[in-house]
Amino acid sequence: MTTTEKAGLRARAQTLKPAVQVGRGGVTPALVKEFDTALRRTELVKVRFAEGREVLRAQCEELVAATGAECAGGVGRVAVFFRARKD
């Protein structure tokens, strides 16, 4: 994904509310299932994290590896993920 495409996705995500919240327990199988369901429903998902930046990066990588989504970027403790629907 190009930087221009990522910027467009981040712009679209500005009005979205976080669909998934990653708590102090981290990325669990139940959370991955919920995240995957949200991606299937809307393609673009905003996720709020409870942990700081160091842990946030690792958790983003876990979500990407588990679902095949791409991280379009984030600010603070919120990140935006995208995965095209398989229509």
N, C-alpha and C. Protein backbone atom coordinates (compact mmCIF):
# COMPACT_ATOMS: atom_id res chain seq x y z
N MET A 1 0.85 -1.16 0.00
CA MET A 1 0.00 0.00 0.00
C MET A 1 0.90 1.24 0.00
N THR A 2 0.57 2.20 -0.83
CA THR A 2 1.39 3.41 -0.93
C THR A 2 1.05 4.38 0.20
N THR A 3 1.92 5.35 0.40
CA THR A 3 1.69 6.34 1.45
C THR A 3 0.45 7.18 1.14
N THR A 4 0.18 7.43 -0.12
CA THR A 4 -1.00 8.19 -0.51
C THR A 4 -2.27 7.42 -0.17
N GLU A 5 -2.26 6.11 -0.44
CA GLU A 5 -3.42 5.28 -0.10
C GLU A 5 -3.63 5.24 1.42
N LYS A 6 -2.53 5.10 2.17
CA LYS A 6 -2.63 5.09 3.63
C LYS A 6 -3.19 6.41 4.15
N ALA A 7 -2.75 7.53 3.58
CA ALA A 7 -3.25 8.84 3.99
C ALA A 7 -4.75 8.94 3.73
N GLY A 8 -5.20 8.42 2.60
CA GLY A 8 -6.63 8.43 2.28
C GLY A 8 -7.43 7.60 3.27
N LEU A 9 -6.89 6.45 3.66
CA LEU A 9 -7.58 5.60 4.63
C LEU A 9 -7.64 6.27 6.00
N ARG A 10 -6.55 6.91 6.39
CA ARG A 10 -6.54 7.62 7.68
C ARG A 10 -7.56 8.75 7.67
N ALA A 11 -7.69 9.43 6.55
CA ALA A 11 -8.67 10.51 6.42
C ALA A 11 -10.09 9.97 6.55
N ARG A 12 -10.36 8.84 5.90
CA ARG A 12 -11.68 8.21 5.99
C ARG A 12 -11.99 7.76 7.42
N ALA A 13 -10.95 7.35 8.14
CA ALA A 13 -11.13 6.80 9.49
C ALA A 13 -11.34 7.87 10.55
N GLN A 14 -11.12 9.13 10.20
CA GLN A 14 -11.25 10.21 11.20
C GLN A 14 -12.62 10.24 11.86
N THR A 15 -13.64 9.93 11.12
CA THR A 15 -15.00 10.00 11.66
C THR A 15 -15.44 8.70 12.33
N LEU A 16 -14.64 7.66 12.21
CA LEU A 16 -14.99 6.37 12.81
C LEU A 16 -14.72 6.36 14.31
N LYS A 17 -15.51 5.57 15.01
CA LYS A 17 -15.26 5.31 16.42
C LYS A 17 -14.52 3.98 16.49
N PRO A 18 -13.68 3.80 17.50
CA PRO A 18 -12.96 2.52 17.62
C PRO A 18 -13.94 1.34 17.70
N ALA A 19 -13.76 0.37 16.81
CA ALA A 19 -14.62 -0.80 16.78
C ALA A 19 -14.12 -1.88 17.73
N VAL A 20 -12.83 -1.84 18.03
CA VAL A 20 -12.21 -2.85 18.89
C VAL A 20 -11.30 -2.14 19.88
N GLN A 21 -11.28 -2.63 21.12
CA GLN A 21 -10.37 -2.10 22.12
C GLN A 21 -9.49 -3.22 22.63
N VAL A 22 -8.17 -3.02 22.56
CA VAL A 22 -7.21 -3.98 23.07
C VAL A 22 -6.88 -3.56 24.49
N GLY A 23 -7.27 -4.39 25.45
CA GLY A 23 -7.06 -4.06 26.85
C GLY A 23 -5.68 -4.47 27.34
N ARG A 24 -5.52 -4.43 28.62
CA ARG A 24 -4.24 -4.79 29.24
C ARG A 24 -3.90 -6.26 29.03
N GLY A 25 -4.89 -7.08 28.73
CA GLY A 25 -4.67 -8.50 28.48
C GLY A 25 -4.00 -8.77 27.15
N GLY A 26 -3.94 -7.76 26.29
CA GLY A 26 -3.27 -7.90 25.00
C GLY A 26 -4.15 -8.53 23.94
N VAL A 27 -3.49 -9.06 22.93
CA VAL A 27 -4.17 -9.67 21.79
C VAL A 27 -4.49 -11.12 22.13
N THR A 28 -5.76 -11.40 22.35
CA THR A 28 -6.21 -12.75 22.68
C THR A 28 -6.94 -13.35 21.47
N PRO A 29 -7.15 -14.66 21.45
CA PRO A 29 -7.89 -15.26 20.34
C PRO A 29 -9.29 -14.67 20.17
N ALA A 30 -9.96 -14.36 21.27
CA ALA A 30 -11.30 -13.77 21.19
C ALA A 30 -11.23 -12.37 20.56
N LEU A 31 -10.21 -11.61 20.91
CA LEU A 31 -10.05 -10.28 20.35
C LEU A 31 -9.75 -10.37 18.84
N VAL A 32 -8.92 -11.32 18.45
CA VAL A 32 -8.61 -11.50 17.03
C VAL A 32 -9.87 -11.86 16.26
N LYS A 33 -10.72 -12.69 16.84
CA LYS A 33 -11.98 -13.07 16.18
C LYS A 33 -12.88 -11.85 16.01
N GLU A 34 -12.99 -11.03 17.05
CA GLU A 34 -13.80 -9.81 16.99
C GLU A 34 -13.24 -8.84 15.95
N PHE A 35 -11.93 -8.69 15.92
CA PHE A 35 -11.26 -7.80 14.96
C PHE A 35 -11.50 -8.29 13.54
N ASP A 36 -11.37 -9.61 13.32
CA ASP A 36 -11.59 -10.19 12.00
C ASP A 36 -13.03 -9.97 11.54
N THR A 37 -13.98 -10.11 12.44
CA THR A 37 -15.39 -9.88 12.12
C THR A 37 -15.61 -8.42 11.72
N ALA A 38 -15.00 -7.50 12.45
CA ALA A 38 -15.13 -6.08 12.12
C ALA A 38 -14.53 -5.77 10.75
N LEU A 39 -13.40 -6.39 10.43
CA LEU A 39 -12.78 -6.18 9.11
C LEU A 39 -13.66 -6.73 8.00
N ARG A 40 -14.28 -7.88 8.21
CA ARG A 40 -15.17 -8.46 7.18
C ARG A 40 -16.38 -7.58 6.94
N ARG A 41 -16.83 -6.93 8.01
CA ARG A 41 -18.02 -6.09 7.91
C ARG A 41 -17.75 -4.76 7.23
N THR A 42 -16.61 -4.10 7.55
CA THR A 42 -16.42 -2.74 7.08
C THR A 42 -15.12 -2.45 6.35
N GLU A 43 -14.16 -3.36 6.28
CA GLU A 43 -12.86 -3.17 5.64
C GLU A 43 -11.92 -2.24 6.41
N LEU A 44 -12.42 -1.15 6.94
CA LEU A 44 -11.60 -0.15 7.62
C LEU A 44 -12.01 -0.12 9.09
N VAL A 45 -11.05 -0.43 9.98
CA VAL A 45 -11.36 -0.56 11.40
C VAL A 45 -10.38 0.27 12.22
N LYS A 46 -10.94 1.01 13.17
CA LYS A 46 -10.13 1.78 14.10
C LYS A 46 -10.05 0.99 15.41
N VAL A 47 -8.83 0.88 15.95
CA VAL A 47 -8.60 0.10 17.17
C VAL A 47 -7.95 0.99 18.22
N ARG A 48 -8.46 0.92 19.45
CA ARG A 48 -7.88 1.66 20.57
C ARG A 48 -7.11 0.67 21.45
N PHE A 49 -5.91 1.08 21.86
CA PHE A 49 -5.03 0.24 22.68
C PHE A 49 -4.90 0.83 24.08
N ALA A 50 -4.79 -0.04 25.08
CA ALA A 50 -4.65 0.41 26.47
C ALA A 50 -3.18 0.64 26.82
N GLU A 51 -2.28 -0.04 26.17
CA GLU A 51 -0.86 0.04 26.49
C GLU A 51 -0.17 1.20 25.76
N GLY A 52 1.07 1.47 26.14
CA GLY A 52 1.86 2.54 25.53
C GLY A 52 2.42 2.18 24.17
N ARG A 53 3.20 3.10 23.60
CA ARG A 53 3.71 2.97 22.23
C ARG A 53 4.54 1.72 21.97
N GLU A 54 5.39 1.33 22.92
CA GLU A 54 6.26 0.18 22.70
C GLU A 54 5.43 -1.10 22.53
N VAL A 55 4.48 -1.29 23.41
CA VAL A 55 3.63 -2.47 23.37
C VAL A 55 2.65 -2.37 22.20
N LEU A 56 2.19 -1.17 21.91
CA LEU A 56 1.24 -0.95 20.83
C LEU A 56 1.78 -1.45 19.50
N ARG A 57 3.03 -1.16 19.20
CA ARG A 57 3.61 -1.63 17.93
C ARG A 57 3.60 -3.14 17.83
N ALA A 58 3.97 -3.82 18.91
CA ALA A 58 3.98 -5.28 18.91
C ALA A 58 2.56 -5.83 18.74
N GLN A 59 1.59 -5.20 19.40
CA GLN A 59 0.21 -5.65 19.28
C GLN A 59 -0.34 -5.41 17.88
N CYS A 60 0.04 -4.31 17.25
CA CYS A 60 -0.36 -4.05 15.86
C CYS A 60 0.18 -5.15 14.95
N GLU A 61 1.43 -5.51 15.14
CA GLU A 61 2.04 -6.57 14.33
C GLU A 61 1.34 -7.90 14.54
N GLU A 62 0.92 -8.19 15.78
CA GLU A 62 0.18 -9.42 16.06
C GLU A 62 -1.15 -9.44 15.31
N LEU A 63 -1.87 -8.32 15.33
CA LEU A 63 -3.15 -8.24 14.63
C LEU A 63 -2.97 -8.39 13.13
N VAL A 64 -1.94 -7.77 12.59
CA VAL A 64 -1.66 -7.88 11.16
C VAL A 64 -1.34 -9.32 10.79
N ALA A 65 -0.50 -9.98 11.58
CA ALA A 65 -0.12 -11.36 11.30
C ALA A 65 -1.31 -12.32 11.41
N ALA A 66 -2.19 -12.07 12.36
CA ALA A 66 -3.32 -12.96 12.60
C ALA A 66 -4.44 -12.82 11.58
N THR A 67 -4.58 -11.62 10.97
CA THR A 67 -5.73 -11.38 10.11
C THR A 67 -5.40 -11.03 8.67
N GLY A 68 -4.15 -10.71 8.38
CA GLY A 68 -3.79 -10.31 7.03
C GLY A 68 -4.16 -8.88 6.69
N ALA A 69 -4.53 -8.10 7.70
CA ALA A 69 -4.86 -6.69 7.48
C ALA A 69 -3.57 -5.88 7.37
N GLU A 70 -3.70 -4.63 6.94
CA GLU A 70 -2.57 -3.72 6.89
C GLU A 70 -2.84 -2.55 7.82
N CYS A 71 -1.80 -2.13 8.53
CA CYS A 71 -1.94 -0.97 9.41
C CYS A 71 -1.70 0.28 8.56
N ALA A 72 -2.70 1.16 8.52
CA ALA A 72 -2.60 2.39 7.73
C ALA A 72 -1.98 3.51 8.54
N GLY A 73 -1.75 3.28 9.83
CA GLY A 73 -1.13 4.29 10.68
C GLY A 73 -1.95 4.53 11.92
N GLY A 74 -1.46 5.44 12.73
CA GLY A 74 -2.17 5.73 13.95
C GLY A 74 -1.62 6.96 14.64
N VAL A 75 -2.36 7.39 15.63
CA VAL A 75 -1.98 8.54 16.44
C VAL A 75 -2.25 8.17 17.89
N GLY A 76 -1.26 8.39 18.74
CA GLY A 76 -1.43 8.07 20.15
C GLY A 76 -1.66 6.59 20.36
N ARG A 77 -2.78 6.28 20.99
CA ARG A 77 -3.10 4.88 21.28
C ARG A 77 -4.19 4.34 20.36
N VAL A 78 -4.35 4.94 19.20
CA VAL A 78 -5.36 4.52 18.23
C VAL A 78 -4.66 4.21 16.90
N ALA A 79 -5.04 3.08 16.29
CA ALA A 79 -4.48 2.72 14.99
C ALA A 79 -5.61 2.36 14.05
N VAL A 80 -5.35 2.50 12.76
CA VAL A 80 -6.33 2.20 11.72
C VAL A 80 -5.82 1.04 10.88
N PHE A 81 -6.70 0.05 10.66
CA PHE A 81 -6.35 -1.12 9.89
C PHE A 81 -7.29 -1.26 8.69
N PHE A 82 -6.76 -1.83 7.61
CA PHE A 82 -7.55 -2.03 6.39
C PHE A 82 -7.30 -3.42 5.84
N ARG A 83 -8.37 -4.05 5.38
CA ARG A 83 -8.26 -5.31 4.64
C ARG A 83 -9.40 -5.33 3.64
N ALA A 84 -9.06 -5.50 2.37
CA ALA A 84 -10.07 -5.50 1.32
C ALA A 84 -10.97 -6.72 1.49
N ARG A 85 -12.24 -6.52 1.20
CA ARG A 85 -13.20 -7.63 1.29
C ARG A 85 -12.91 -8.64 0.20
N LYS A 86 -13.25 -9.89 0.49
CA LYS A 86 -13.07 -10.96 -0.49
C LYS A 86 -14.41 -11.22 -1.17
N ASP A 87 -14.80 -10.31 -2.04
CA ASP A 87 -16.10 -10.43 -2.72
C ASP A 87 -16.00 -11.25 -3.96
